[in-house]
C-alpha atoms as a PDB file:
ATOM      1  CA  UNK A   1       1.083  15.369   5.503  1.00  0.00           C
ATOM      2  CA  UNK A   2       4.314  13.410   5.476  1.00  0.00           C
ATOM      3  CA  UNK A   3       4.299   9.884   4.099  1.00  0.00           C
ATOM      4  CA  UNK A   4       4.081   7.186   6.747  1.00  0.00           C
ATOM      5  CA  UNK A   5       7.122   5.023   7.322  1.00  0.00           C
ATOM      6  CA  UNK A   6       6.656   1.308   7.981  1.00  0.00           C
ATOM      7  CA  UNK A   7       6.705   1.613  11.784  1.00  0.00           C
ATOM      8  CA  UNK A   8       4.182   4.458  12.003  1.00  0.00           C
ATOM      9  CA  UNK A   9       1.955   2.781   9.436  1.00  0.00           C
ATOM     10  CA  UNK A  10       1.924  -0.376  11.548  1.00  0.00           C
ATOM     11  CA  UNK A  11       0.831   1.734  14.504  1.00  0.00           C
ATOM     12  CA  UNK A  12      -2.084   3.105  12.493  1.00  0.00           C
ATOM     13  CA  UNK A  13      -3.165  -0.346  11.386  1.00  0.00           C
ATOM     14  CA  UNK A  14      -2.968  -1.651  14.940  1.00  0.00           C
ATOM     15  CA  UNK A  15      -6.122   0.224  15.866  1.00  0.00           C
ATOM     16  CA  UNK A  16      -8.069  -0.900  12.812  1.00  0.00           C
ATOM     17  CA  UNK A  17     -10.412  -3.878  12.705  1.00  0.00           C
ATOM     18  CA  UNK A  18      -9.418  -5.100   9.256  1.00  0.00           C
ATOM     19  CA  UNK A  19     -11.668  -7.731   7.670  1.00  0.00           C
ATOM     20  CA  UNK A  20      -9.790 -11.002   7.119  1.00  0.00           C
ATOM     21  CA  UNK A  21      -9.262 -12.348   3.619  1.00  0.00           C
ATOM     22  CA  UNK A  22     -12.157 -14.567   2.501  1.00  0.00           C
ATOM     23  CA  UNK A  23     -11.565 -18.280   3.014  1.00  0.00           C
ATOM     24  CA  UNK A  24     -11.380 -20.420  -0.093  1.00  0.00           C
ATOM     25  CA  UNK A  25     -14.153 -22.750   0.975  1.00  0.00           C
ATOM     26  CA  UNK A  26     -17.545 -23.675  -0.337  1.00  0.00           C
ATOM     27  CA  UNK A  27     -19.756 -20.611  -0.310  1.00  0.00           C
ATOM     28  CA  UNK A  28     -22.811 -20.972   1.864  1.00  0.00           C
ATOM     29  CA  UNK A  29     -25.969 -19.046   0.947  1.00  0.00           C
ATOM     30  CA  UNK A  30     -26.312 -15.809   2.888  1.00  0.00           C
ATOM     31  CA  UNK A  31     -28.820 -15.989   5.689  1.00  0.00           C
ATOM     32  CA  UNK A  32     -31.021 -13.141   6.669  1.00  0.00           C
ATOM     33  CA  UNK A  33     -33.405 -12.985   9.597  1.00  0.00           C
ATOM     34  CA  UNK A  34     -35.510 -10.047  10.609  1.00  0.00           C
ATOM     35  CA  UNK A  35     -36.388  -9.424  14.240  1.00  0.00           C
ATOM     36  CA  UNK A  36     -39.538  -7.347  14.324  1.00  0.00           C
ATOM     37  CA  UNK A  37     -39.174  -6.380  17.956  1.00  0.00           C
ATOM     38  CA  UNK A  38     -35.935  -4.475  17.405  1.00  0.00           C
ATOM     39  CA  UNK A  39     -36.323  -3.548  13.702  1.00  0.00           C
ATOM     40  CA  UNK A  40     -32.821  -4.888  13.113  1.00  0.00           C
ATOM     41  CA  UNK A  41     -31.791  -7.105  10.190  1.00  0.00           C
ATOM     42  CA  UNK A  42     -28.957  -9.561  10.811  1.00  0.00           C
ATOM     43  CA  UNK A  43     -27.000 -10.556   7.725  1.00  0.00           C
ATOM     44  CA  UNK A  44     -23.850 -12.508   6.973  1.00  0.00           C
ATOM     45  CA  UNK A  45     -21.923  -9.238   6.779  1.00  0.00           C
ATOM     46  CA  UNK A  46     -22.958  -7.803  10.131  1.00  0.00           C
ATOM     47  CA  UNK A  47     -25.856  -5.944  11.697  1.00  0.00           C
ATOM     48  CA  UNK A  48     -27.696  -3.339   9.663  1.00  0.00           C
ATOM     49  CA  UNK A  49     -30.400  -1.102  11.055  1.00  0.00           C
ATOM     50  CA  UNK A  50     -33.888  -0.817   9.614  1.00  0.00           C
ATOM     51  CA  UNK A  51     -33.992  -0.236   5.834  1.00  0.00           C
ATOM     52  CA  UNK A  52     -34.951   3.167   4.415  1.00  0.00           C
ATOM     53  CA  UNK A  53     -38.620   4.058   4.228  1.00  0.00           C
ATOM     54  CA  UNK A  54     -38.081   4.624   0.489  1.00  0.00           C
ATOM     55  CA  UNK A  55     -35.962   1.883  -1.157  1.00  0.00           C
ATOM     56  CA  UNK A  56     -34.650   4.434  -3.661  1.00  0.00           C
ATOM     57  CA  UNK A  57     -33.254   6.715  -0.949  1.00  0.00           C
ATOM     58  CA  UNK A  58     -29.651   7.233   0.047  1.00  0.00           C
ATOM     59  CA  UNK A  59     -29.316   6.952   3.803  1.00  0.00           C
ATOM     60  CA  UNK A  60     -27.324   9.925   5.097  1.00  0.00           C
ATOM     61  CA  UNK A  61     -25.901  10.145   8.589  1.00  0.00           C
ATOM     62  CA  UNK A  62     -27.219  13.231  10.350  1.00  0.00           C
ATOM     63  CA  UNK A  63     -23.648  14.427  10.941  1.00  0.00           C
ATOM     64  CA  UNK A  64     -23.342  14.877   7.168  1.00  0.00           C
ATOM     65  CA  UNK A  65     -26.189  17.385   7.101  1.00  0.00           C
ATOM     66  CA  UNK A  66     -24.861  20.599   5.577  1.00  0.00           C
ATOM     67  CA  UNK A  67     -22.077  18.888   3.623  1.00  0.00           C
ATOM     68  CA  UNK A  68     -21.817  20.779   0.275  1.00  0.00           C
ATOM     69  CA  UNK A  69     -21.655  17.508  -1.672  1.00  0.00           C
ATOM     70  CA  UNK A  70     -25.344  16.892  -0.903  1.00  0.00           C
ATOM     71  CA  UNK A  71     -26.361  19.825  -3.125  1.00  0.00           C
ATOM     72  CA  UNK A  72     -25.360  17.888  -6.245  1.00  0.00           C
ATOM     73  CA  UNK A  73     -27.404  14.778  -5.362  1.00  0.00           C
ATOM     74  CA  UNK A  74     -30.535  15.653  -7.320  1.00  0.00           C
ATOM     75  CA  UNK A  75     -31.817  12.410  -8.839  1.00  0.00           C
ATOM     76  CA  UNK A  76     -32.238  10.239  -5.746  1.00  0.00           C
ATOM     77  CA  UNK A  77     -33.988  11.138  -2.468  1.00  0.00           C
ATOM     78  CA  UNK A  78     -32.059  11.519   0.775  1.00  0.00           C
ATOM     79  CA  UNK A  79     -33.099  10.134   4.140  1.00  0.00           C
ATOM     80  CA  UNK A  80     -31.254  11.370   7.222  1.00  0.00           C
ATOM     81  CA  UNK A  81     -30.593   8.830   9.969  1.00  0.00           C
ATOM     82  CA  UNK A  82     -28.540   8.792  13.154  1.00  0.00           C
ATOM     83  CA  UNK A  83     -28.594   4.993  13.561  1.00  0.00           C
ATOM     84  CA  UNK A  84     -26.115   4.180  10.768  1.00  0.00           C
ATOM     85  CA  UNK A  85     -22.346   3.937  11.172  1.00  0.00           C
ATOM     86  CA  UNK A  86     -21.099   5.010   7.717  1.00  0.00           C
ATOM     87  CA  UNK A  87     -21.725   8.450   6.263  1.00  0.00           C
ATOM     88  CA  UNK A  88     -23.878   7.113   3.427  1.00  0.00           C
ATOM     89  CA  UNK A  89     -25.660   3.829   2.759  1.00  0.00           C
ATOM     90  CA  UNK A  90     -26.253   3.323  -0.965  1.00  0.00           C
ATOM     91  CA  UNK A  91     -27.525  -0.250  -0.912  1.00  0.00           C
ATOM     92  CA  UNK A  92     -28.347  -3.172   1.329  1.00  0.00           C
ATOM     93  CA  UNK A  93     -24.680  -4.211   1.345  1.00  0.00           C
ATOM     94  CA  UNK A  94     -22.943  -1.001   0.205  1.00  0.00           C
ATOM     95  CA  UNK A  95     -21.788   2.021   2.164  1.00  0.00           C
ATOM     96  CA  UNK A  96     -19.614   5.104   1.701  1.00  0.00           C
ATOM     97  CA  UNK A  97     -17.254   6.884   4.077  1.00  0.00           C
ATOM     98  CA  UNK A  98     -16.530  10.473   3.059  1.00  0.00           C
ATOM     99  CA  UNK A  99     -13.139  12.041   3.731  1.00  0.00           C
ATOM    100  CA  UNK A 100     -11.760  15.445   2.818  1.00  0.00           C
ATOM    101  CA  UNK A 101      -7.992  15.409   2.343  1.00  0.00           C
ATOM    102  CA  UNK A 102      -7.758  18.779   4.054  1.00  0.00           C
ATOM    103  CA  UNK A 103      -9.513  17.336   7.109  1.00  0.00           C
ATOM    104  CA  UNK A 104      -7.417  14.161   6.913  1.00  0.00           C
ATOM    105  CA  UNK A 105      -4.195  16.170   7.064  1.00  0.00           C
ATOM    106  CA  UNK A 106      -5.426  17.893  10.225  1.00  0.00           C
ATOM    107  CA  UNK A 107      -6.849  14.713  11.790  1.00  0.00           C
ATOM    108  CA  UNK A 108      -4.863  11.718  10.471  1.00  0.00           C
ATOM    109  CA  UNK A 109      -6.358   9.334  13.066  1.00  0.00           C
ATOM    110  CA  UNK A 110      -9.943  10.074  12.016  1.00  0.00           C
ATOM    111  CA  UNK A 111     -10.173   7.440   9.269  1.00  0.00           C
ATOM    112  CA  UNK A 112      -8.686   4.833  11.607  1.00  0.00           C
ATOM    113  CA  UNK A 113     -11.412   5.507  14.166  1.00  0.00           C
ATOM    114  CA  UNK A 114     -14.141   5.354  11.512  1.00  0.00           C
ATOM    115  CA  UNK A 115     -12.916   2.003  10.187  1.00  0.00           C
ATOM    116  CA  UNK A 116     -12.726   0.578  13.681  1.00  0.00           C
ATOM    117  CA  UNK A 117     -16.358   1.591  14.282  1.00  0.00           C
ATOM    118  CA  UNK A 118     -17.440   0.196  10.916  1.00  0.00           C
ATOM    119  CA  UNK A 119     -15.860  -3.170  11.650  1.00  0.00           C
ATOM    120  CA  UNK A 120     -16.854  -5.828   9.121  1.00  0.00           C
ATOM    121  CA  UNK A 121     -20.192  -4.353   8.112  1.00  0.00           C
ATOM    122  CA  UNK A 122     -21.118  -4.160   4.420  1.00  0.00           C
ATOM    123  CA  UNK A 123     -19.684  -6.033   1.463  1.00  0.00           C
ATOM    124  CA  UNK A 124     -18.913  -2.959  -0.659  1.00  0.00           C
ATOM    125  CA  UNK A 125     -17.121  -0.341   1.435  1.00  0.00           C
ATOM    126  CA  UNK A 126     -16.230   2.833  -0.461  1.00  0.00           C
ATOM    127  CA  UNK A 127     -13.828   5.474   0.794  1.00  0.00           C
ATOM    128  CA  UNK A 128     -14.823   8.642  -1.076  1.00  0.00           C
ATOM    129  CA  UNK A 129     -11.935  11.107  -0.890  1.00  0.00           C
ATOM    130  CA  UNK A 130     -12.351  14.735  -1.926  1.00  0.00           C
ATOM    131  CA  UNK A 131      -8.984  16.014  -3.132  1.00  0.00           C
ATOM    132  CA  UNK A 132      -8.958  19.595  -1.852  1.00  0.00           C
ATOM    133  CA  UNK A 133      -5.256  20.158  -1.138  1.00  0.00           C
ATOM    134  CA  UNK A 134      -2.587  21.388  -3.582  1.00  0.00           C
ATOM    135  CA  UNK A 135      -0.154  18.543  -2.788  1.00  0.00           C
ATOM    136  CA  UNK A 136      -2.248  15.393  -2.260  1.00  0.00           C
ATOM    137  CA  UNK A 137       0.244  12.713  -3.301  1.00  0.00           C
ATOM    138  CA  UNK A 138       1.647  11.611   0.064  1.00  0.00           C
ATOM    139  CA  UNK A 139      -1.754  11.578   1.745  1.00  0.00           C
ATOM    140  CA  UNK A 140      -3.287   9.603  -1.120  1.00  0.00           C
ATOM    141  CA  UNK A 141      -0.429   7.128  -0.996  1.00  0.00           C
ATOM    142  CA  UNK A 142      -1.043   6.342   2.672  1.00  0.00           C
ATOM    143  CA  UNK A 143      -4.829   6.185   2.159  1.00  0.00           C
ATOM    144  CA  UNK A 144      -4.326   3.778  -0.723  1.00  0.00           C
ATOM    145  CA  UNK A 145      -2.329   1.449   1.499  1.00  0.00           C
ATOM    146  CA  UNK A 146      -5.000   1.619   4.202  1.00  0.00           C
ATOM    147  CA  UNK A 147      -7.731   0.959   1.623  1.00  0.00           C
ATOM    148  CA  UNK A 148      -5.977  -2.151   0.354  1.00  0.00           C
ATOM    149  CA  UNK A 149      -5.549  -3.556   3.843  1.00  0.00           C
ATOM    150  CA  UNK A 150      -9.031  -2.614   5.084  1.00  0.00           C
ATOM    151  CA  UNK A 151     -10.935  -3.925   2.047  1.00  0.00           C
ATOM    152  CA  UNK A 152     -12.012  -0.477   0.844  1.00  0.00           C
ATOM    153  CA  UNK A 153     -12.702   0.779  -2.658  1.00  0.00           C
ATOM    154  CA  UNK A 154     -11.173   4.255  -2.829  1.00  0.00           C
ATOM    155  CA  UNK A 155     -12.826   6.792  -5.132  1.00  0.00           C
ATOM    156  CA  UNK A 156     -11.403  10.267  -5.757  1.00  0.00           C
ATOM    157  CA  UNK A 157     -13.442  13.411  -6.341  1.00  0.00           C
ATOM    158  CA  UNK A 158     -11.836  16.726  -7.241  1.00  0.00           C
ATOM    159  CA  UNK A 159     -14.704  18.919  -6.050  1.00  0.00           C
ATOM    160  CA  UNK A 160     -17.923  18.722  -4.034  1.00  0.00           C
ATOM    161  CA  UNK A 161     -20.165  18.330  -7.094  1.00  0.00           C
ATOM    162  CA  UNK A 162     -18.179  15.348  -8.333  1.00  0.00           C
ATOM    163  CA  UNK A 163     -18.285  13.711  -4.900  1.00  0.00           C
ATOM    164  CA  UNK A 164     -22.060  14.063  -4.769  1.00  0.00           C
ATOM    165  CA  UNK A 165     -22.474  12.591  -8.238  1.00  0.00           C
ATOM    166  CA  UNK A 166     -20.393   9.559  -7.252  1.00  0.00           C
ATOM    167  CA  UNK A 167     -22.728   8.868  -4.325  1.00  0.00           C
ATOM    168  CA  UNK A 168     -25.753   9.365  -6.570  1.00  0.00           C
ATOM    169  CA  UNK A 169     -24.374   7.018  -9.227  1.00  0.00           C
ATOM    170  CA  UNK A 170     -23.674   4.242  -6.730  1.00  0.00           C
ATOM    171  CA  UNK A 171     -27.318   4.368  -5.637  1.00  0.00           C
ATOM    172  CA  UNK A 172     -28.707   4.564  -9.168  1.00  0.00           C
ATOM    173  CA  UNK A 173     -26.667   1.529 -10.243  1.00  0.00           C
ATOM    174  CA  UNK A 174     -27.414  -0.452  -7.082  1.00  0.00           C
ATOM    175  CA  UNK A 175     -29.444  -3.104  -8.893  1.00  0.00           C
ATOM    176  CA  UNK A 176     -28.120  -2.638 -12.419  1.00  0.00           C
ATOM    177  CA  UNK A 177     -26.392  -5.434 -14.266  1.00  0.00           C
ATOM    178  CA  UNK A 178     -22.573  -5.188 -14.425  1.00  0.00           C
ATOM    179  CA  UNK A 179     -22.908  -5.667 -18.188  1.00  0.00           C
ATOM    180  CA  UNK A 180     -23.719  -1.954 -18.451  1.00  0.00           C
ATOM    181  CA  UNK A 181     -20.145  -0.981 -17.598  1.00  0.00           C
ATOM    182  CA  UNK A 182     -18.390  -3.924 -19.229  1.00  0.00           C
ATOM    183  CA  UNK A 183     -16.702  -3.596 -22.582  1.00  0.00           C
ATOM    184  CA  UNK A 184     -18.961  -4.714 -25.395  1.00  0.00           C
ATOM    185  CA  UNK A 185     -17.523  -7.706 -27.242  1.00  0.00           C
ATOM    186  CA  UNK A 186     -18.605  -8.040 -30.854  1.00  0.00           C
ATOM    187  CA  UNK A 187     -19.703 -11.530 -31.923  1.00  0.00           C
ATOM    188  CA  UNK A 188     -19.948 -10.842 -35.666  1.00  0.00           C
ATOM    189  CA  UNK A 189     -16.633 -11.632 -37.464  1.00  0.00           C
ATOM    190  CA  UNK A 190     -16.982  -8.563 -39.690  1.00  0.00           C
ATOM    191  CA  UNK A 191     -17.492  -6.281 -36.687  1.00  0.00           C
ATOM    192  CA  UNK A 192     -14.529  -7.886 -34.923  1.00  0.00           C
ATOM    193  CA  UNK A 193     -12.338  -7.109 -37.925  1.00  0.00           C
ATOM    194  CA  UNK A 194     -13.607  -3.524 -38.053  1.00  0.00           C
ATOM    195  CA  UNK A 195     -12.830  -3.138 -34.349  1.00  0.00           C
ATOM    196  CA  UNK A 196      -9.335  -4.577 -34.864  1.00  0.00           C
ATOM    197  CA  UNK A 197      -8.542  -2.174 -37.707  1.00  0.00           C
ATOM    198  CA  UNK A 198      -9.717   0.850 -35.726  1.00  0.00           C
ATOM    199  CA  UNK A 199      -7.111  -0.007 -33.094  1.00  0.00           C
ATOM    200  CA  UNK A 200      -4.535   1.122 -35.650  1.00  0.00           C
ATOM    201  CA  UNK A 201      -4.239   4.869 -35.227  1.00  0.00           C
ATOM    202  CA  UNK A 202      -5.318   6.988 -37.067  1.00  0.00           C
ATOM    203  CA  UNK A 203      -7.665   4.533 -38.844  1.00  0.00           C
ATOM    204  CA  UNK A 204     -11.289   5.221 -37.867  1.00  0.00           C
ATOM    205  CA  UNK A 205     -14.419   3.095 -38.220  1.00  0.00           C
ATOM    206  CA  UNK A 206     -15.364   4.631 -41.577  1.00  0.00           C
ATOM    207  CA  UNK A 207     -11.893   3.851 -42.942  1.00  0.00           C
ATOM    208  CA  UNK A 208     -12.113   0.257 -41.694  1.00  0.00           C
ATOM    209  CA  UNK A 209     -15.520  -0.334 -43.295  1.00  0.00           C
ATOM    210  CA  UNK A 210     -14.329   1.191 -46.595  1.00  0.00           C
ATOM    211  CA  UNK A 211     -11.185  -0.957 -46.643  1.00  0.00           C
ATOM    212  CA  UNK A 212     -13.155  -4.160 -46.106  1.00  0.00           C
ATOM    213  CA  UNK A 213     -15.651  -3.193 -48.792  1.00  0.00           C
ATOM    214  CA  UNK A 214     -12.846  -2.632 -51.300  1.00  0.00           C
ATOM    215  CA  UNK A 215     -10.517  -5.526 -50.458  1.00  0.00           C
ATOM    216  CA  UNK A 216     -13.116  -8.022 -49.262  1.00  0.00           C
ATOM    217  CA  UNK A 217     -11.063  -9.728 -46.572  1.00  0.00           C
ATOM    218  CA  UNK A 218      -8.007  -9.318 -44.372  1.00  0.00           C
ATOM    219  CA  UNK A 219      -5.729 -11.371 -46.646  1.00  0.00           C
ATOM    220  CA  UNK A 220      -6.291  -9.059 -49.618  1.00  0.00           C
ATOM    221  CA  UNK A 221      -5.834  -6.043 -47.370  1.00  0.00           C
ATOM    222  CA  UNK A 222      -2.476  -7.320 -46.099  1.00  0.00           C
ATOM    223  CA  UNK A 223      -1.286  -8.095 -49.635  1.00  0.00           C
ATOM    224  CA  UNK A 224      -2.157  -4.597 -50.891  1.00  0.00           C
ATOM    225  CA  UNK A 225       0.748  -2.227 -51.510  1.00  0.00           C
ATOM    226  CA  UNK A 226       1.168   1.035 -49.644  1.00  0.00           C
ATOM    227  CA  UNK A 227       0.485   2.918 -52.868  1.00  0.00           C
ATOM    228  CA  UNK A 228      -2.762   1.014 -53.409  1.00  0.00           C
ATOM    229  CA  UNK A 229      -3.868   1.722 -49.834  1.00  0.00           C
ATOM    230  CA  UNK A 230      -3.218   5.448 -50.280  1.00  0.00           C
ATOM    231  CA  UNK A 231      -5.660   5.466 -53.209  1.00  0.00           C
ATOM    232  CA  UNK A 232      -8.572   4.428 -50.984  1.00  0.00           C
ATOM    233  CA  UNK A 233     -10.994   7.328 -50.578  1.00  0.00           C
ATOM    234  CA  UNK A 234     -10.583   8.992 -47.195  1.00  0.00           C
ATOM    235  CA  UNK A 235      -7.379   7.161 -46.302  1.00  0.00           C
ATOM    236  CA  UNK A 236      -4.575   9.233 -47.824  1.00  0.00           C
ATOM    237  CA  UNK A 237      -0.778   8.728 -47.722  1.00  0.00           C
ATOM    238  CA  UNK A 238      -0.327   9.227 -43.967  1.00  0.00           C
ATOM    239  CA  UNK A 239      -2.939   6.677 -42.873  1.00  0.00           C
ATOM    240  CA  UNK A 240      -1.884   4.291 -45.649  1.00  0.00           C
ATOM    241  CA  UNK A 241       1.740   4.374 -44.488  1.00  0.00           C
ATOM    242  CA  UNK A 242       0.790   3.689 -40.867  1.00  0.00           C
ATOM    243  CA  UNK A 243      -1.637   0.912 -41.837  1.00  0.00           C
ATOM    244  CA  UNK A 244       0.847  -0.771 -44.184  1.00  0.00           C
ATOM    245  CA  UNK A 245       3.611  -0.631 -41.580  1.00  0.00           C
ATOM    246  CA  UNK A 246       1.383  -2.112 -38.878  1.00  0.00           C
ATOM    247  CA  UNK A 247       0.095  -4.936 -41.076  1.00  0.00           C
ATOM    248  CA  UNK A 248       3.644  -5.943 -42.030  1.00  0.00           C
ATOM    249  CA  UNK A 249       5.316  -5.734 -38.642  1.00  0.00           C
ATOM    250  CA  UNK A 250       6.492  -9.099 -37.251  1.00  0.00           C
ATOM    251  CA  UNK A 251       4.474 -10.464 -34.342  1.00  0.00           C
ATOM    252  CA  UNK A 252       7.632 -11.105 -32.346  1.00  0.00           C
ATOM    253  CA  UNK A 253      10.447  -8.573 -32.173  1.00  0.00           C
ATOM    254  CA  UNK A 254      13.932  -9.975 -32.648  1.00  0.00           C
END
């Protein structure tokens, strides 16, 4: 697929219902009302059909039945539905559209039509792209631009198994705290110093702990000679040279 020029890209976007940027105003609490007569829940992000019979299930559009990626979804149940717009619903406010690059190259307007149908539904909108072409760069470039403008999170999978695992993981982490994937920040000063020293390649955690045990603090470590550092068990001349050079480099280059 050839890369889109500015004019043709504008034509593609013209048929898309792109969610507007959020207004910088006071956030009002989301309202949710359930109408029992129609089994439809109305939320601040649009209209969502009845929830799954099992809250742990991934809702799968019936048109996705037979997709090879489903074979690798083993740890969460699947519930097939024909009353959902996206291909997969992995949470109350999260959905996934699946797209094969090979299919996209043959049907470049397909994703535009899907986004138009999806409208402004769901807060987290994932475009799961299976990279199954030998030269994916131009197609991925245009899909990236569309994702940015249409408020999509684009995820790449390099085979069907990986694509299925991505869907499974989104569902499994639906109600997990974001702390699980955030970098752990040490609060103990000693651990902070160990972490800082291990950022100096090839110094590892064992080396850092040994150095602090021998020299006691960072000041003594900085004042140590390269020869003295090389005498530390497990460090050796190569690590000592790198460590000494790093500790004595100026903070600002001239």
